[in-house]
Amino acid sequence: MGWPFFKNKQQKSVPREFELYDIHSHVLWGLDDGTATEDDAIAVLERYQDLGYRGVVATPHTNHRLFPTPPTATLESRIAALAPHVARTGVKLKAGAEVMCVDDYVERLAMGSYASVGNAFLVEFENRPGHISMISEQILFRLRVAGKTLILAHPERYGDIQERPELAVHLKSRGMLMQINLGSLVGRYGGRCQDVAWRLVENGIADIAATDIHRLADFDGVSAALQELEKYSAKRCRHLVSTNPGYVFNGQVERIDEV
């Protein structure tokens, strides 16, 4: 089954007049493949300020085969170290995680063992054939009963969803939210990811657009993507980078709007 969607990015551009929130960021240094030093993290905060962001969730890789899961105390100490810069920039920071769905992740998610904002958990899958398809109705139901909301990081980058677009629609219909990367909208990860990301936006499948910032240079793509989203639709842009991620940031994920 192919993408049953259309493309039309010719809607009127309207100046941005709202605060931005980011729920996917590797701003905390020395934990994974994100920022390397505290100075790098400070520079990232300053760039967030320049772009109009007012809240950011730090989401280091967690339950990952390549990076050790950072202890909660480590997240808290790094955020505390950035407190003067948070106050100066006005960009609030909260601790979260980007949870890799391997091993006993279901048990740990159900118990709330990973860092999260409220009951919303950002999750990712290994990008290999069939892996994302392994999440079953039973797993999604169990986590819903436990009061947990899953947010799928960058669905446009998974081969499973590129080949079977109905999978994204199915997961969304079962309560999983979809978070695309802003960089995908301007081709940072290749043409195929760009095409899929726009189709998710245009058809109301994407709930949130996040930066997935790893280093300062990533903001070039973020800035360009924000401009493209505004040209396409100021209303849709606001939902994706302000209203919906703002609900997550403030622990009100249940208020996420359908666009």
Foldseek 3Di string as FASTA:
>chain_A
DAQPFDDDQQAAFDDDDFAFEFEAEQLQADFALFHPDLVQSLLQLQVSLVVRHQEYENAEEDPDPRTHHDDPVVVVVSQVVCVVSCVVSNYYYHYAHAYEPDDPVLVCLLVVVGGFQAQEHEYEYPQDPPTVVPCDLVSLVSSVVSVHEYEYEAPLPHPNCLVPVVVLVVVVVSRHAYEHELLLCVAPPHDSSNVSVSRCLVVQSHQAYHHNHRGDVSVVSVVVSLSSVSSRPSVSSCRHTPVQSVCRRNNNNVPRDRD
